[in-house]
């Protein structure tokens, strides 16, 4: 599990991104201004090559969240349920 905080605005934007899996632990995320590469290290940490991930490492970027959603990561799905609950 990734210990970074989930920001609801980034999660909302992640819903509109496309995720293409590659070799184990690598994904290309498109649908934003430019494609980004998300990778999972053997330690389990996930990194994205976007500037948001570089300058705000305490919060998961929208590309990282898009990958997590595509993989069905439970804690991100819980965040999505909470976000949808806010919309009701």
PDB file of N, CA and C in Angstrom:
ATOM      1  N   UNK A   1       0.841  -1.185   0.000  1.00  0.00           N
ATOM      2  CA  UNK A   1       0.000   0.000   0.000  1.00  0.00           C
ATOM      3  C   UNK A   1       0.879   1.239   0.000  1.00  0.00           C
ATOM      4  N   UNK A   2       0.455   2.281  -0.709  1.00  0.00           N
ATOM      5  CA  UNK A   2       1.182   3.521  -0.794  1.00  0.00           C
ATOM      6  C   UNK A   2       0.705   4.439   0.325  1.00  0.00           C
ATOM      7  N   UNK A   3       1.644   4.976   1.114  1.00  0.00           N
ATOM      8  CA  UNK A   3       1.294   5.777   2.286  1.00  0.00           C
ATOM      9  C   UNK A   3       1.001   7.232   1.946  1.00  0.00           C
ATOM     10  N   UNK A   4       1.119   7.616   0.689  1.00  0.00           N
ATOM     11  CA  UNK A   4       0.855   8.995   0.311  1.00  0.00           C
ATOM     12  C   UNK A   4      -0.620   9.327   0.475  1.00  0.00           C
ATOM     13  N   UNK A   5      -0.882  10.590   0.755  1.00  0.00           N
ATOM     14  CA  UNK A   5      -2.245  11.079   0.939  1.00  0.00           C
ATOM     15  C   UNK A   5      -2.984  11.113  -0.398  1.00  0.00           C
ATOM     16  N   UNK A   6      -4.286  10.870  -0.367  1.00  0.00           N
ATOM     17  CA  UNK A   6      -5.114  10.934  -1.570  1.00  0.00           C
ATOM     18  C   UNK A   6      -5.880  12.248  -1.562  1.00  0.00           C
ATOM     19  N   UNK A   7      -5.629  13.068  -2.577  1.00  0.00           N
ATOM     20  CA  UNK A   7      -6.296  14.354  -2.735  1.00  0.00           C
ATOM     21  C   UNK A   7      -7.535  14.155  -3.615  1.00  0.00           C
ATOM     22  N   UNK A   8      -8.688  14.632  -3.173  1.00  0.00           N
ATOM     23  CA  UNK A   8      -9.939  14.385  -3.907  1.00  0.00           C
ATOM     24  C   UNK A   8      -9.937  15.028  -5.292  1.00  0.00           C
ATOM     25  N   UNK A   9      -9.303  16.179  -5.455  1.00  0.00           N
ATOM     26  CA  UNK A   9      -9.250  16.813  -6.777  1.00  0.00           C
ATOM     27  C   UNK A   9      -8.413  15.991  -7.754  1.00  0.00           C
ATOM     28  N   UNK A  10      -7.294  15.458  -7.290  1.00  0.00           N
ATOM     29  CA  UNK A  10      -6.465  14.608  -8.145  1.00  0.00           C
ATOM     30  C   UNK A  10      -7.196  13.305  -8.478  1.00  0.00           C
ATOM     31  N   UNK A  11      -7.901  12.766  -7.507  1.00  0.00           N
ATOM     32  CA  UNK A  11      -8.665  11.538  -7.734  1.00  0.00           C
ATOM     33  C   UNK A  11      -9.763  11.777  -8.771  1.00  0.00           C
ATOM     34  N   UNK A  12     -10.422  12.900  -8.686  1.00  0.00           N
ATOM     35  CA  UNK A  12     -11.463  13.265  -9.655  1.00  0.00           C
ATOM     36  C   UNK A  12     -10.875  13.331 -11.060  1.00  0.00           C
ATOM     37  N   UNK A  13      -9.700  13.961 -11.221  1.00  0.00           N
ATOM     38  CA  UNK A  13      -9.058  14.061 -12.537  1.00  0.00           C
ATOM     39  C   UNK A  13      -8.557  12.708 -13.023  1.00  0.00           C
ATOM     40  N   UNK A  14      -8.162  11.841 -12.109  1.00  0.00           N
ATOM     41  CA  UNK A  14      -7.654  10.508 -12.480  1.00  0.00           C
ATOM     42  C   UNK A  14      -8.727   9.670 -13.173  1.00  0.00           C
ATOM     43  N   UNK A  15      -9.983   9.937 -12.880  1.00  0.00           N
ATOM     44  CA  UNK A  15     -11.078   9.176 -13.481  1.00  0.00           C
ATOM     45  C   UNK A  15     -11.124   9.322 -14.998  1.00  0.00           C
ATOM     46  N   UNK A  16     -10.563  10.396 -15.536  1.00  0.00           N
ATOM     47  CA  UNK A  16     -10.639  10.680 -16.969  1.00  0.00           C
ATOM     48  C   UNK A  16      -9.359  10.336 -17.724  1.00  0.00           C
ATOM     49  N   UNK A  17      -8.431   9.658 -17.051  1.00  0.00           N
ATOM     50  CA  UNK A  17      -7.177   9.270 -17.691  1.00  0.00           C
ATOM     51  C   UNK A  17      -7.230   7.819 -18.152  1.00  0.00           C
ATOM     52  N   UNK A  18      -6.436   7.506 -19.165  1.00  0.00           N
ATOM     53  CA  UNK A  18      -6.338   6.144 -19.689  1.00  0.00           C
ATOM     54  C   UNK A  18      -5.023   5.530 -19.232  1.00  0.00           C
ATOM     55  N   UNK A  19      -5.080   4.260 -18.849  1.00  0.00           N
ATOM     56  CA  UNK A  19      -3.903   3.543 -18.340  1.00  0.00           C
ATOM     57  C   UNK A  19      -3.600   2.369 -19.260  1.00  0.00           C
ATOM     58  N   UNK A  20      -2.359   2.313 -19.736  1.00  0.00           N
ATOM     59  CA  UNK A  20      -1.905   1.200 -20.575  1.00  0.00           C
ATOM     60  C   UNK A  20      -0.795   0.463 -19.838  1.00  0.00           C
ATOM     61  N   UNK A  21      -1.038  -0.781 -19.428  1.00  0.00           N
ATOM     62  CA  UNK A  21       0.001  -1.552 -18.740  1.00  0.00           C
ATOM     63  C   UNK A  21       1.080  -2.010 -19.722  1.00  0.00           C
ATOM     64  N   UNK A  22       2.284  -2.107 -19.215  1.00  0.00           N
ATOM     65  CA  UNK A  22       3.423  -2.607 -19.992  1.00  0.00           C
ATOM     66  C   UNK A  22       4.002  -3.794 -19.236  1.00  0.00           C
ATOM     67  N   UNK A  23       5.310  -3.895 -19.205  1.00  0.00           N
ATOM     68  CA  UNK A  23       5.969  -4.946 -18.427  1.00  0.00           C
ATOM     69  C   UNK A  23       5.556  -4.801 -16.964  1.00  0.00           C
ATOM     70  N   UNK A  24       5.736  -5.860 -16.211  1.00  0.00           N
ATOM     71  CA  UNK A  24       5.356  -5.867 -14.793  1.00  0.00           C
ATOM     72  C   UNK A  24       5.838  -4.599 -14.093  1.00  0.00           C
ATOM     73  N   UNK A  25       4.898  -3.873 -13.508  1.00  0.00           N
ATOM     74  CA  UNK A  25       5.244  -2.693 -12.725  1.00  0.00           C
ATOM     75  C   UNK A  25       5.479  -1.438 -13.540  1.00  0.00           C
ATOM     76  N   UNK A  26       4.951  -1.361 -14.779  1.00  0.00           N
ATOM     77  CA  UNK A  26       5.103  -0.163 -15.617  1.00  0.00           C
ATOM     78  C   UNK A  26       3.799   0.120 -16.345  1.00  0.00           C
ATOM     79  N   UNK A  27       3.398   1.396 -16.321  1.00  0.00           N
ATOM     80  CA  UNK A  27       2.171   1.815 -16.979  1.00  0.00           C
ATOM     81  C   UNK A  27       2.401   3.163 -17.658  1.00  0.00           C
ATOM     82  N   UNK A  28       1.772   3.363 -18.801  1.00  0.00           N
ATOM     83  CA  UNK A  28       1.728   4.678 -19.430  1.00  0.00           C
ATOM     84  C   UNK A  28       0.341   5.241 -19.197  1.00  0.00           C
ATOM     85  N   UNK A  29       0.292   6.482 -18.736  1.00  0.00           N
ATOM     86  CA  UNK A  29      -0.976   7.138 -18.447  1.00  0.00           C
ATOM     87  C   UNK A  29      -1.135   8.296 -19.427  1.00  0.00           C
ATOM     88  N   UNK A  30      -2.255   8.284 -20.159  1.00  0.00           N
ATOM     89  CA  UNK A  30      -2.527   9.330 -21.141  1.00  0.00           C
ATOM     90  C   UNK A  30      -3.883   9.951 -20.865  1.00  0.00           C
ATOM     91  N   UNK A  31      -4.150  11.043 -21.574  1.00  0.00           N
ATOM     92  CA  UNK A  31      -5.428  11.724 -21.432  1.00  0.00           C
ATOM     93  C   UNK A  31      -5.275  13.108 -20.849  1.00  0.00           C
ATOM     94  N   UNK A  32      -4.088  13.418 -20.384  1.00  0.00           N
ATOM     95  CA  UNK A  32      -3.796  14.758 -19.884  1.00  0.00           C
ATOM     96  C   UNK A  32      -3.019  15.522 -20.940  1.00  0.00           C
ATOM     97  N   UNK A  33      -2.242  16.496 -20.516  1.00  0.00           N
ATOM     98  CA  UNK A  33      -1.477  17.321 -21.449  1.00  0.00           C
ATOM     99  C   UNK A  33      -0.422  16.501 -22.197  1.00  0.00           C
ATOM    100  N   UNK A  34       0.163  15.521 -21.533  1.00  0.00           N
ATOM    101  CA  UNK A  34       1.177  14.660 -22.160  1.00  0.00           C
ATOM    102  C   UNK A  34       1.195  13.313 -21.446  1.00  0.00           C
ATOM    103  N   UNK A  35       1.698  12.265 -22.103  1.00  0.00           N
ATOM    104  CA  UNK A  35       1.741  10.953 -21.453  1.00  0.00           C
ATOM    105  C   UNK A  35       2.791  10.922 -20.335  1.00  0.00           C
ATOM    106  N   UNK A  36       2.524  10.086 -19.332  1.00  0.00           N
ATOM    107  CA  UNK A  36       3.467   9.924 -18.226  1.00  0.00           C
ATOM    108  C   UNK A  36       3.674   8.451 -17.926  1.00  0.00           C
ATOM    109  N   UNK A  37       4.862   8.144 -17.419  1.00  0.00           N
ATOM    110  CA  UNK A  37       5.222   6.779 -17.067  1.00  0.00           C
ATOM    111  C   UNK A  37       5.150   6.613 -15.556  1.00  0.00           C
ATOM    112  N   UNK A  38       4.417   5.603 -15.119  1.00  0.00           N
ATOM    113  CA  UNK A  38       4.317   5.259 -13.701  1.00  0.00           C
ATOM    114  C   UNK A  38       4.996   3.906 -13.528  1.00  0.00           C
ATOM    115  N   UNK A  39       5.871   3.797 -12.528  1.00  0.00           N
ATOM    116  CA  UNK A  39       6.593   2.546 -12.291  1.00  0.00           C
ATOM    117  C   UNK A  39       6.484   2.137 -10.832  1.00  0.00           C
ATOM    118  N   UNK A  40       6.475   0.825 -10.603  1.00  0.00           N
ATOM    119  CA  UNK A  40       6.450   0.273  -9.244  1.00  0.00           C
ATOM    120  C   UNK A  40       7.787  -0.409  -9.001  1.00  0.00           C
ATOM    121  N   UNK A  41       8.473   0.023  -7.948  1.00  0.00           N
ATOM    122  CA  UNK A  41       9.755  -0.571  -7.575  1.00  0.00           C
ATOM    123  C   UNK A  41       9.531  -1.905  -6.864  1.00  0.00           C
ATOM    124  N   UNK A  42      10.563  -2.683  -6.747  1.00  0.00           N
ATOM    125  CA  UNK A  42      10.462  -3.973  -6.034  1.00  0.00           C
ATOM    126  C   UNK A  42      10.041  -3.786  -4.589  1.00  0.00           C
ATOM    127  N   UNK A  43      10.337  -2.618  -4.042  1.00  0.00           N
ATOM    128  CA  UNK A  43       9.958  -2.315  -2.655  1.00  0.00           C
ATOM    129  C   UNK A  43       8.462  -2.038  -2.521  1.00  0.00           C
ATOM    130  N   UNK A  44       7.792  -1.848  -3.675  1.00  0.00           N
ATOM    131  CA  UNK A  44       6.368  -1.552  -3.651  1.00  0.00           C
ATOM    132  C   UNK A  44       6.049  -0.088  -3.834  1.00  0.00           C
ATOM    133  N   UNK A  45       7.058   0.778  -3.737  1.00  0.00           N
ATOM    134  CA  UNK A  45       6.799   2.204  -3.922  1.00  0.00           C
ATOM    135  C   UNK A  45       6.490   2.481  -5.393  1.00  0.00           C
ATOM    136  N   UNK A  46       5.620   3.446  -5.623  1.00  0.00           N
ATOM    137  CA  UNK A  46       5.189   3.803  -6.973  1.00  0.00           C
ATOM    138  C   UNK A  46       5.682   5.210  -7.273  1.00  0.00           C
ATOM    139  N   UNK A  47       6.230   5.373  -8.466  1.00  0.00           N
ATOM    140  CA  UNK A  47       6.749   6.679  -8.880  1.00  0.00           C
ATOM    141  C   UNK A  47       6.190   7.059 -10.238  1.00  0.00           C
ATOM    142  N   UNK A  48       5.973   8.350 -10.414  1.00  0.00           N
ATOM    143  CA  UNK A  48       5.526   8.896 -11.689  1.00  0.00           C
ATOM    144  C   UNK A  48       6.561   9.922 -12.136  1.00  0.00           C
ATOM    145  N   UNK A  49       6.689  10.086 -13.452  1.00  0.00           N
ATOM    146  CA  UNK A  49       7.677  11.035 -13.964  1.00  0.00           C
ATOM    147  C   UNK A  49       7.123  12.456 -14.141  1.00  0.00           C
ATOM    148  N   UNK A  50       5.918  12.730 -13.625  1.00  0.00           N
ATOM    149  CA  UNK A  50       5.345  14.073 -13.767  1.00  0.00           C
ATOM    150  C   UNK A  50       5.916  15.034 -12.713  1.00  0.00           C
ATOM    151  N   UNK A  51       5.754  16.334 -12.987  1.00  0.00           N
ATOM    152  CA  UNK A  51       6.259  17.351 -12.063  1.00  0.00           C
ATOM    153  C   UNK A  51       5.487  17.385 -10.750  1.00  0.00           C
ATOM    154  N   UNK A  52       4.204  17.067 -10.788  1.00  0.00           N
ATOM    155  CA  UNK A  52       3.411  17.031  -9.559  1.00  0.00           C
ATOM    156  C   UNK A  52       4.005  16.017  -8.578  1.00  0.00           C
ATOM    157  N   UNK A  53       4.352  14.838  -9.088  1.00  0.00           N
ATOM    158  CA  UNK A  53       4.943  13.806  -8.228  1.00  0.00           C
ATOM    159  C   UNK A  53       6.317  14.226  -7.710  1.00  0.00           C
ATOM    160  N   UNK A  54       7.054  14.949  -8.543  1.00  0.00           N
ATOM    161  CA  UNK A  54       8.396  15.393  -8.143  1.00  0.00           C
ATOM    162  C   UNK A  54       8.341  16.445  -7.037  1.00  0.00           C
ATOM    163  N   UNK A  55       7.454  17.429  -7.198  1.00  0.00           N
ATOM    164  CA  UNK A  55       7.418  18.554  -6.263  1.00  0.00           C
ATOM    165  C   UNK A  55       6.447  18.389  -5.093  1.00  0.00           C
ATOM    166  N   UNK A  56       5.546  17.410  -5.167  1.00  0.00           N
ATOM    167  CA  UNK A  56       4.587  17.167  -4.082  1.00  0.00           C
ATOM    168  C   UNK A  56       4.559  15.680  -3.734  1.00  0.00           C
ATOM    169  N   UNK A  57       5.670  15.132  -3.258  1.00  0.00           N
ATOM    170  CA  UNK A  57       5.740  13.680  -3.020  1.00  0.00           C
ATOM    171  C   UNK A  57       4.829  13.178  -1.902  1.00  0.00           C
ATOM    172  N   UNK A  58       4.311  14.073  -1.065  1.00  0.00           N
ATOM    173  CA  UNK A  58       3.453  13.645   0.037  1.00  0.00           C
ATOM    174  C   UNK A  58       2.032  13.329  -0.428  1.00  0.00           C
ATOM    175  N   UNK A  59       1.679  13.723  -1.675  1.00  0.00           N
ATOM    176  CA  UNK A  59       0.337  13.497  -2.218  1.00  0.00           C
ATOM    177  C   UNK A  59       0.478  12.711  -3.520  1.00  0.00           C
ATOM    178  N   UNK A  60      -0.353  11.696  -3.712  1.00  0.00           N
ATOM    179  CA  UNK A  60      -0.307  10.906  -4.947  1.00  0.00           C
ATOM    180  C   UNK A  60      -0.805  11.738  -6.123  1.00  0.00           C
ATOM    181  N   UNK A  61      -0.047  11.731  -7.225  1.00  0.00           N
ATOM    182  CA  UNK A  61      -0.450  12.476  -8.415  1.00  0.00           C
ATOM    183  C   UNK A  61      -1.609  11.766  -9.107  1.00  0.00           C
ATOM    184  N   UNK A  62      -2.256  12.467 -10.042  1.00  0.00           N
ATOM    185  CA  UNK A  62      -3.419  11.905 -10.729  1.00  0.00           C
ATOM    186  C   UNK A  62      -3.042  10.682 -11.568  1.00  0.00           C
ATOM    187  N   UNK A  63      -1.808  10.622 -12.063  1.00  0.00           N
ATOM    188  CA  UNK A  63      -1.376   9.475 -12.874  1.00  0.00           C
ATOM    189  C   UNK A  63      -1.226   8.232 -11.997  1.00  0.00           C
ATOM    190  N   UNK A  64      -0.632   8.433 -10.838  1.00  0.00           N
ATOM    191  CA  UNK A  64      -0.473   7.354  -9.859  1.00  0.00           C
ATOM    192  C   UNK A  64      -1.852   6.839  -9.428  1.00  0.00           C
ATOM    193  N   UNK A  65      -2.776   7.761  -9.198  1.00  0.00           N
ATOM    194  CA  UNK A  65      -4.129   7.370  -8.798  1.00  0.00           C
ATOM    195  C   UNK A  65      -4.866   6.646  -9.920  1.00  0.00           C
ATOM    196  N   UNK A  66      -4.654   7.065 -11.171  1.00  0.00           N
ATOM    197  CA  UNK A  66      -5.291   6.381 -12.302  1.00  0.00           C
ATOM    198  C   UNK A  66      -4.823   4.931 -12.380  1.00  0.00           C
ATOM    199  N   UNK A  67      -3.527   4.706 -12.158  1.00  0.00           N
ATOM    200  CA  UNK A  67      -2.994   3.341 -12.153  1.00  0.00           C
ATOM    201  C   UNK A  67      -3.613   2.553 -10.995  1.00  0.00           C
ATOM    202  N   UNK A  68      -3.674   3.175  -9.822  1.00  0.00           N
ATOM    203  CA  UNK A  68      -4.251   2.497  -8.654  1.00  0.00           C
ATOM    204  C   UNK A  68      -5.710   2.117  -8.903  1.00  0.00           C
ATOM    205  N   UNK A  69      -6.470   3.005  -9.534  1.00  0.00           N
ATOM    206  CA  UNK A  69      -7.861   2.693  -9.865  1.00  0.00           C
ATOM    207  C   UNK A  69      -7.941   1.530 -10.853  1.00  0.00           C
ATOM    208  N   UNK A  70      -7.063   1.536 -11.852  1.00  0.00           N
ATOM    209  CA  UNK A  70      -7.090   0.469 -12.852  1.00  0.00           C
ATOM    210  C   UNK A  70      -6.727  -0.886 -12.248  1.00  0.00           C
ATOM    211  N   UNK A  71      -5.961  -0.874 -11.167  1.00  0.00           N
ATOM    212  CA  UNK A  71      -5.555  -2.099 -10.485  1.00  0.00           C
ATOM    213  C   UNK A  71      -6.541  -2.484  -9.376  1.00  0.00           C
ATOM    214  N   UNK A  72      -7.519  -1.622  -9.115  1.00  0.00           N
ATOM    215  CA  UNK A  72      -8.507  -1.914  -8.084  1.00  0.00           C
ATOM    216  C   UNK A  72      -7.956  -1.841  -6.674  1.00  0.00           C
ATOM    217  N   UNK A  73      -6.999  -0.944  -6.432  1.00  0.00           N
ATOM    218  CA  UNK A  73      -6.416  -0.825  -5.093  1.00  0.00           C
ATOM    219  C   UNK A  73      -7.488  -0.348  -4.113  1.00  0.00           C
ATOM    220  N   UNK A  74      -7.678  -1.132  -3.085  1.00  0.00           N
ATOM    221  CA  UNK A  74      -8.786  -0.937  -2.152  1.00  0.00           C
ATOM    222  C   UNK A  74      -8.823   0.456  -1.517  1.00  0.00           C
ATOM    223  N   UNK A  75      -7.694   0.965  -1.043  1.00  0.00           N
ATOM    224  CA  UNK A  75      -7.718   2.257  -0.353  1.00  0.00           C
ATOM    225  C   UNK A  75      -8.070   3.402  -1.307  1.00  0.00           C
ATOM    226  N   UNK A  76      -7.732   3.267  -2.594  1.00  0.00           N
ATOM    227  CA  UNK A  76      -8.102   4.297  -3.565  1.00  0.00           C
ATOM    228  C   UNK A  76      -9.578   4.165  -3.928  1.00  0.00           C
ATOM    229  N   UNK A  77     -10.060   2.943  -4.032  1.00  0.00           N
ATOM    230  CA  UNK A  77     -11.493   2.742  -4.271  1.00  0.00           C
ATOM    231  C   UNK A  77     -12.326   3.287  -3.109  1.00  0.00           C
ATOM    232  N   UNK A  78     -11.817   3.143  -1.905  1.00  0.00           N
ATOM    233  CA  UNK A  78     -12.496   3.711  -0.737  1.00  0.00           C
ATOM    234  C   UNK A  78     -12.544   5.234  -0.856  1.00  0.00           C
ATOM    235  N   UNK A  79     -11.439   5.834  -1.283  1.00  0.00           N
ATOM    236  CA  UNK A  79     -11.404   7.281  -1.511  1.00  0.00           C
ATOM    237  C   UNK A  79     -12.396   7.704  -2.576  1.00  0.00           C
ATOM    238  N   UNK A  80     -12.541   6.880  -3.614  1.00  0.00           N
ATOM    239  CA  UNK A  80     -13.506   7.164  -4.670  1.00  0.00           C
ATOM    240  C   UNK A  80     -14.937   7.089  -4.137  1.00  0.00           C
ATOM    241  N   UNK A  81     -15.232   6.092  -3.322  1.00  0.00           N
ATOM    242  CA  UNK A  81     -16.569   5.987  -2.721  1.00  0.00           C
ATOM    243  C   UNK A  81     -16.879   7.212  -1.867  1.00  0.00           C
ATOM    244  N   UNK A  82     -15.877   7.669  -1.113  1.00  0.00           N
ATOM    245  CA  UNK A  82     -16.072   8.860  -0.284  1.00  0.00           C
ATOM    246  C   UNK A  82     -16.310  10.081  -1.162  1.00  0.00           C
ATOM    247  N   UNK A  83     -15.576  10.184  -2.257  1.00  0.00           N
ATOM    248  CA  UNK A  83     -15.744  11.294  -3.185  1.00  0.00           C
ATOM    249  C   UNK A  83     -17.145  11.275  -3.786  1.00  0.00           C
ATOM    250  N   UNK A  84     -17.605  10.104  -4.196  1.00  0.00           N
ATOM    251  CA  UNK A  84     -18.942   9.985  -4.768  1.00  0.00           C
ATOM    252  C   UNK A  84     -20.015  10.271  -3.725  1.00  0.00           C
ATOM    253  N   UNK A  85     -19.749   9.915  -2.489  1.00  0.00           N
ATOM    254  CA  UNK A  85     -20.689  10.205  -1.412  1.00  0.00           C
ATOM    255  C   UNK A  85     -20.840  11.690  -1.186  1.00  0.00           C
ATOM    256  N   UNK A  86     -19.762  12.454  -1.421  1.00  0.00           N
ATOM    257  CA  UNK A  86     -19.808  13.903  -1.280  1.00  0.00           C
ATOM    258  C   UNK A  86     -20.704  14.527  -2.346  1.00  0.00           C
ATOM    259  N   UNK A  87     -20.803  13.863  -3.500  1.00  0.00           N
ATOM    260  CA  UNK A  87     -21.564  14.411  -4.615  1.00  0.00           C
ATOM    261  C   UNK A  87     -23.071  14.209  -4.438  1.00  0.00           C
ATOM    262  N   UNK A  88     -23.478  13.370  -3.518  1.00  0.00           N
ATOM    263  CA  UNK A  88     -24.914  13.093  -3.342  1.00  0.00           C
ATOM    264  C   UNK A  88     -25.600  14.160  -2.524  1.00  0.00           C
TER     265      UNK A  88
END
